[in-house]
């Protein structure tokens, strides 16, 4: 049953995504592609993708009406899908996502900036891209932990994008996302087994909170305030709700494959 459910969902994801992209590409023969149209495409398909995957979202807060750097804790590769209907932003994602048969499709049309996590020159180019996007008045969304997190609270944040926000006087908006069930913890290093564990059941329950903007010219303070807010919110979300069994940070390196 789990395999059938997952196969059906992946089939529907692939078919609907292909349909949306195909129709959009046809439309660009008559109407020019713009970032606004790209975001609308992503937003509309994301709402459908969320329903297909059985994701239930408790939302609190909303995006602000000015350019901002949105910083999100990272649990799963479907995090951007969950956030997409609520925030129009260029998303910084790890380069490997571009090769995934589901999540990588349509990236160019819908505002994804890819970076190789271990490539310093690529990270530098990404910081430059973030600066350019913010300067022209658009939003940027980043996952400052750099990779998915098995711990109860956030891992160390990377400061580069906070420096850009501080230098430009751009507000930082913390976005906190938490999953209820342990099956949703991203701890299998192969795509199909991970998706089977996470989406081989009918529903995935999440909480999403878009925080208040944080402003300042000190990058380290911006980073720490964002991290502190996210950690405090995660604890509040987890209380009397979460079934997660988080990994001890000191033992995380010993986890290999499925539980």
Protein backbone atom coordinates (compact mmCIF):
# COMPACT_ATOMS: atom_id res chain seq x y z
CA UNK A 1 0.00 0.00 0.00
CA UNK A 2 2.81 2.43 0.86
CA UNK A 3 4.52 1.79 -2.48
CA UNK A 4 1.27 2.22 -4.41
CA UNK A 5 0.49 5.48 -2.65
CA UNK A 6 3.98 6.85 -3.22
CA UNK A 7 4.04 5.75 -6.88
CA UNK A 8 0.65 7.37 -7.48
CA UNK A 9 1.78 10.59 -5.84
CA UNK A 10 5.05 10.77 -7.75
CA UNK A 11 3.21 10.05 -10.98
CA UNK A 12 0.73 12.84 -10.29
CA UNK A 13 3.54 15.19 -9.28
CA UNK A 14 5.40 14.49 -12.52
CA UNK A 15 2.30 14.72 -14.73
CA UNK A 16 0.94 17.92 -13.21
CA UNK A 17 4.34 19.59 -13.18
CA UNK A 18 4.90 18.67 -16.83
CA UNK A 19 1.44 19.96 -17.69
CA UNK A 20 1.92 23.26 -15.87
CA UNK A 21 5.38 23.81 -17.37
CA UNK A 22 4.26 22.76 -20.84
CA UNK A 23 1.31 25.14 -20.84
CA UNK A 24 3.48 27.90 -19.42
CA UNK A 25 6.11 27.47 -22.13
CA UNK A 26 3.43 27.60 -24.77
CA UNK A 27 2.08 30.78 -23.19
CA UNK A 28 5.52 32.43 -23.40
CA UNK A 29 5.18 32.31 -27.19
CA UNK A 30 2.52 34.98 -26.76
CA UNK A 31 3.22 36.59 -23.38
CA UNK A 32 6.78 37.32 -22.22
CA UNK A 33 8.15 35.41 -19.22
CA UNK A 34 8.48 37.63 -16.16
CA UNK A 35 9.44 36.96 -12.57
CA UNK A 36 5.86 37.77 -11.56
CA UNK A 37 4.50 35.12 -13.92
CA UNK A 38 7.19 32.67 -12.79
CA UNK A 39 6.26 33.14 -9.14
CA UNK A 40 2.58 32.70 -9.96
CA UNK A 41 3.38 29.46 -11.78
CA UNK A 42 5.35 28.19 -8.79
CA UNK A 43 2.68 29.30 -6.32
CA UNK A 44 -0.20 27.72 -8.23
CA UNK A 45 1.55 24.41 -8.79
CA UNK A 46 2.84 24.30 -5.20
CA UNK A 47 -0.71 24.48 -3.87
CA UNK A 48 -1.60 21.48 -6.00
CA UNK A 49 1.61 19.60 -5.13
CA UNK A 50 0.91 20.08 -1.43
CA UNK A 51 -2.53 18.50 -1.84
CA UNK A 52 -1.15 15.59 -3.86
CA UNK A 53 1.42 14.81 -1.16
CA UNK A 54 -1.17 15.08 1.62
CA UNK A 55 0.63 17.90 3.42
CA UNK A 56 -1.43 19.74 6.05
CA UNK A 57 -0.17 23.19 7.05
CA UNK A 58 -0.93 25.29 10.12
CA UNK A 59 0.09 28.80 9.04
CA UNK A 60 0.83 31.81 11.23
CA UNK A 61 2.00 35.19 9.99
CA UNK A 62 2.49 36.57 6.48
CA UNK A 63 5.15 37.99 4.18
CA UNK A 64 5.93 41.70 4.42
CA UNK A 65 5.31 44.26 1.68
CA UNK A 66 8.94 45.23 1.09
CA UNK A 67 12.13 43.50 -0.08
CA UNK A 68 13.43 41.11 2.56
CA UNK A 69 15.80 38.25 3.23
CA UNK A 70 13.70 35.29 4.38
CA UNK A 71 15.70 32.76 6.42
CA UNK A 72 14.27 29.29 6.99
CA UNK A 73 15.33 26.31 9.08
CA UNK A 74 15.81 23.17 7.00
CA UNK A 75 14.11 19.82 7.71
CA UNK A 76 13.28 18.30 4.33
CA UNK A 77 13.83 18.78 0.60
CA UNK A 78 10.13 19.61 0.29
CA UNK A 79 10.48 22.65 2.58
CA UNK A 80 10.47 25.08 -0.39
CA UNK A 81 7.28 23.48 -1.72
CA UNK A 82 5.49 24.11 1.58
CA UNK A 83 6.61 27.74 1.74
CA UNK A 84 6.10 28.61 -1.95
CA UNK A 85 2.35 29.48 -1.76
CA UNK A 86 2.99 32.10 0.92
CA UNK A 87 6.23 33.88 -0.05
CA UNK A 88 7.35 35.10 -3.46
CA UNK A 89 11.13 34.96 -3.27
CA UNK A 90 14.14 33.78 -5.19
CA UNK A 91 15.22 30.62 -3.39
CA UNK A 92 18.81 29.60 -2.76
CA UNK A 93 19.06 25.80 -2.88
CA UNK A 94 21.84 23.23 -2.99
CA UNK A 95 22.99 22.30 -6.49
CA UNK A 96 22.03 18.63 -6.11
CA UNK A 97 18.34 19.57 -6.20
CA UNK A 98 18.70 20.56 -9.85
CA UNK A 99 19.26 16.88 -10.71
CA UNK A 100 16.23 15.53 -8.86
CA UNK A 101 13.52 14.31 -11.23
CA UNK A 102 10.72 16.06 -9.34
CA UNK A 103 12.07 19.08 -7.47
CA UNK A 104 14.59 20.13 -10.10
CA UNK A 105 12.12 20.57 -12.95
CA UNK A 106 11.11 24.12 -13.75
CA UNK A 107 13.75 25.77 -11.55
CA UNK A 108 14.79 28.28 -14.17
CA UNK A 109 11.24 29.53 -14.67
CA UNK A 110 10.36 29.80 -10.98
CA UNK A 111 13.26 31.60 -9.33
CA UNK A 112 15.78 29.08 -7.97
CA UNK A 113 19.45 29.95 -7.42
CA UNK A 114 21.66 26.87 -7.04
CA UNK A 115 24.90 26.68 -5.05
CA UNK A 116 27.40 23.88 -4.49
CA UNK A 117 27.71 23.61 -0.72
CA UNK A 118 31.42 22.78 -0.70
CA UNK A 119 32.43 25.07 -3.55
CA UNK A 120 33.72 28.36 -2.11
CA UNK A 121 33.70 30.13 -5.46
CA UNK A 122 30.11 29.06 -6.04
CA UNK A 123 29.10 30.28 -2.57
CA UNK A 124 30.77 33.60 -3.29
CA UNK A 125 28.88 33.87 -6.57
CA UNK A 126 25.66 33.08 -4.72
CA UNK A 127 26.27 35.87 -2.21
CA UNK A 128 26.81 38.22 -5.14
CA UNK A 129 23.57 36.99 -6.70
CA UNK A 130 21.70 37.54 -3.41
CA UNK A 131 23.05 41.08 -3.24
CA UNK A 132 21.99 41.78 -6.82
CA UNK A 133 18.49 40.41 -6.24
CA UNK A 134 17.98 42.42 -3.04
CA UNK A 135 19.33 45.60 -4.64
CA UNK A 136 16.79 45.40 -7.44
CA UNK A 137 13.96 45.17 -4.91
CA UNK A 138 13.17 41.44 -4.87
CA UNK A 139 12.94 38.94 -2.03
CA UNK A 140 15.47 36.19 -1.36
CA UNK A 141 14.87 33.01 0.64
CA UNK A 142 17.79 31.07 2.09
CA UNK A 143 18.35 28.03 4.31
CA UNK A 144 21.27 29.30 6.40
CA UNK A 145 22.00 25.88 7.92
CA UNK A 146 23.09 24.77 4.45
CA UNK A 147 21.65 21.27 4.72
CA UNK A 148 18.77 19.38 6.32
CA UNK A 149 18.81 19.15 10.09
CA UNK A 150 18.24 16.11 12.33
CA UNK A 151 18.51 18.07 15.58
CA UNK A 152 15.78 19.52 17.77
CA UNK A 153 17.09 23.06 17.23
CA UNK A 154 18.92 24.74 14.37
CA UNK A 155 22.52 24.06 13.43
CA UNK A 156 25.10 26.79 12.97
CA UNK A 157 24.03 29.49 10.51
CA UNK A 158 26.23 30.82 7.72
CA UNK A 159 26.65 34.56 8.02
CA UNK A 160 27.27 35.61 4.40
CA UNK A 161 23.73 36.55 3.42
CA UNK A 162 23.19 38.35 6.74
CA UNK A 163 26.16 40.55 5.89
CA UNK A 164 24.47 41.48 2.62
CA UNK A 165 21.21 42.32 4.41
CA UNK A 166 23.06 44.39 7.02
CA UNK A 167 25.05 46.34 4.43
CA UNK A 168 21.95 47.09 2.36
CA UNK A 169 19.68 47.80 5.31
CA UNK A 170 17.32 45.02 4.21
CA UNK A 171 15.10 43.41 6.89
CA UNK A 172 15.59 39.75 7.77
CA UNK A 173 12.40 37.72 8.24
CA UNK A 174 12.77 34.39 10.08
CA UNK A 175 10.52 31.62 8.79
CA UNK A 176 10.07 28.55 10.98
CA UNK A 177 8.89 25.20 9.62
CA UNK A 178 8.35 22.08 11.68
CA UNK A 179 6.96 18.62 10.93
CA UNK A 180 4.96 16.67 13.48
CA UNK A 181 5.94 13.06 12.88
CA UNK A 182 9.26 11.28 13.07
CA UNK A 183 8.76 9.81 9.59
CA UNK A 184 9.27 13.31 8.18
CA UNK A 185 12.80 13.66 9.52
CA UNK A 186 15.14 13.65 6.52
CA UNK A 187 17.61 10.99 7.64
CA UNK A 188 17.84 8.60 4.69
CA UNK A 189 20.42 9.46 2.08
CA UNK A 190 18.58 7.94 -0.88
CA UNK A 191 15.67 9.77 -2.50
CA UNK A 192 13.12 6.97 -3.06
CA UNK A 193 13.45 5.36 0.43
CA UNK A 194 13.20 8.82 2.00
CA UNK A 195 10.11 9.74 0.00
CA UNK A 196 8.58 6.33 0.78
CA UNK A 197 9.07 6.94 4.49
CA UNK A 198 7.73 10.46 4.36
CA UNK A 199 4.95 10.26 1.78
CA UNK A 200 3.99 6.59 1.88
CA UNK A 201 1.37 7.55 4.46
CA UNK A 202 -1.76 9.60 3.83
CA UNK A 203 -0.84 12.82 5.58
CA UNK A 204 2.13 14.93 6.61
CA UNK A 205 1.41 17.51 9.30
CA UNK A 206 3.39 20.75 9.50
CA UNK A 207 3.46 24.10 11.22
CA UNK A 208 4.73 27.20 9.40
CA UNK A 209 5.32 30.58 11.02
CA UNK A 210 6.46 33.72 9.22
CA UNK A 211 8.03 35.94 11.86
CA UNK A 212 8.31 39.69 12.21
CA UNK A 213 11.12 41.46 10.33
CA UNK A 214 14.42 41.99 12.14
CA UNK A 215 16.46 45.04 11.17
CA UNK A 216 19.97 46.24 11.93
CA UNK A 217 23.41 46.92 10.54
CA UNK A 218 25.26 44.28 12.54
CA UNK A 219 25.33 41.02 10.56
CA UNK A 220 26.22 38.82 13.53
CA UNK A 221 23.36 40.23 15.58
CA UNK A 222 20.93 39.76 12.70
CA UNK A 223 22.06 36.16 12.36
CA UNK A 224 21.89 35.41 16.09
CA UNK A 225 18.50 37.06 16.56
CA UNK A 226 17.11 35.07 13.63
CA UNK A 227 18.55 31.84 14.99
CA UNK A 228 17.31 32.50 18.53
CA UNK A 229 13.81 33.30 17.27
CA UNK A 230 13.74 30.13 15.19
CA UNK A 231 14.94 27.95 18.07
CA UNK A 232 12.39 29.41 20.48
CA UNK A 233 9.60 28.95 17.94
CA UNK A 234 10.63 25.36 17.20
CA UNK A 235 10.40 24.51 20.90
CA UNK A 236 6.96 26.10 21.11
CA UNK A 237 5.77 24.23 18.02
CA UNK A 238 7.05 20.89 19.27
CA UNK A 239 5.44 21.11 22.70
CA UNK A 240 2.54 18.64 23.09
CA UNK A 241 2.51 18.08 19.31
CA UNK A 242 5.72 16.63 17.93
CA UNK A 243 6.48 12.89 17.79
CA UNK A 244 10.04 13.52 16.55
CA UNK A 245 12.97 11.63 18.02
CA UNK A 246 15.75 14.05 17.29
CA UNK A 247 19.41 13.16 16.90
CA UNK A 248 22.01 14.15 19.44
CA UNK A 249 24.39 16.52 17.58
CA UNK A 250 27.40 14.57 18.86
CA UNK A 251 26.08 11.33 17.36
CA UNK A 252 24.65 12.65 14.07
CA UNK A 253 27.78 11.67 12.12
CA UNK A 254 27.14 8.01 12.94
CA UNK A 255 23.71 7.89 11.31
CA UNK A 256 23.81 6.05 8.00
CA UNK A 257 20.79 5.22 5.92
CA UNK A 258 17.40 4.27 7.29
CA UNK A 259 16.51 3.70 10.89
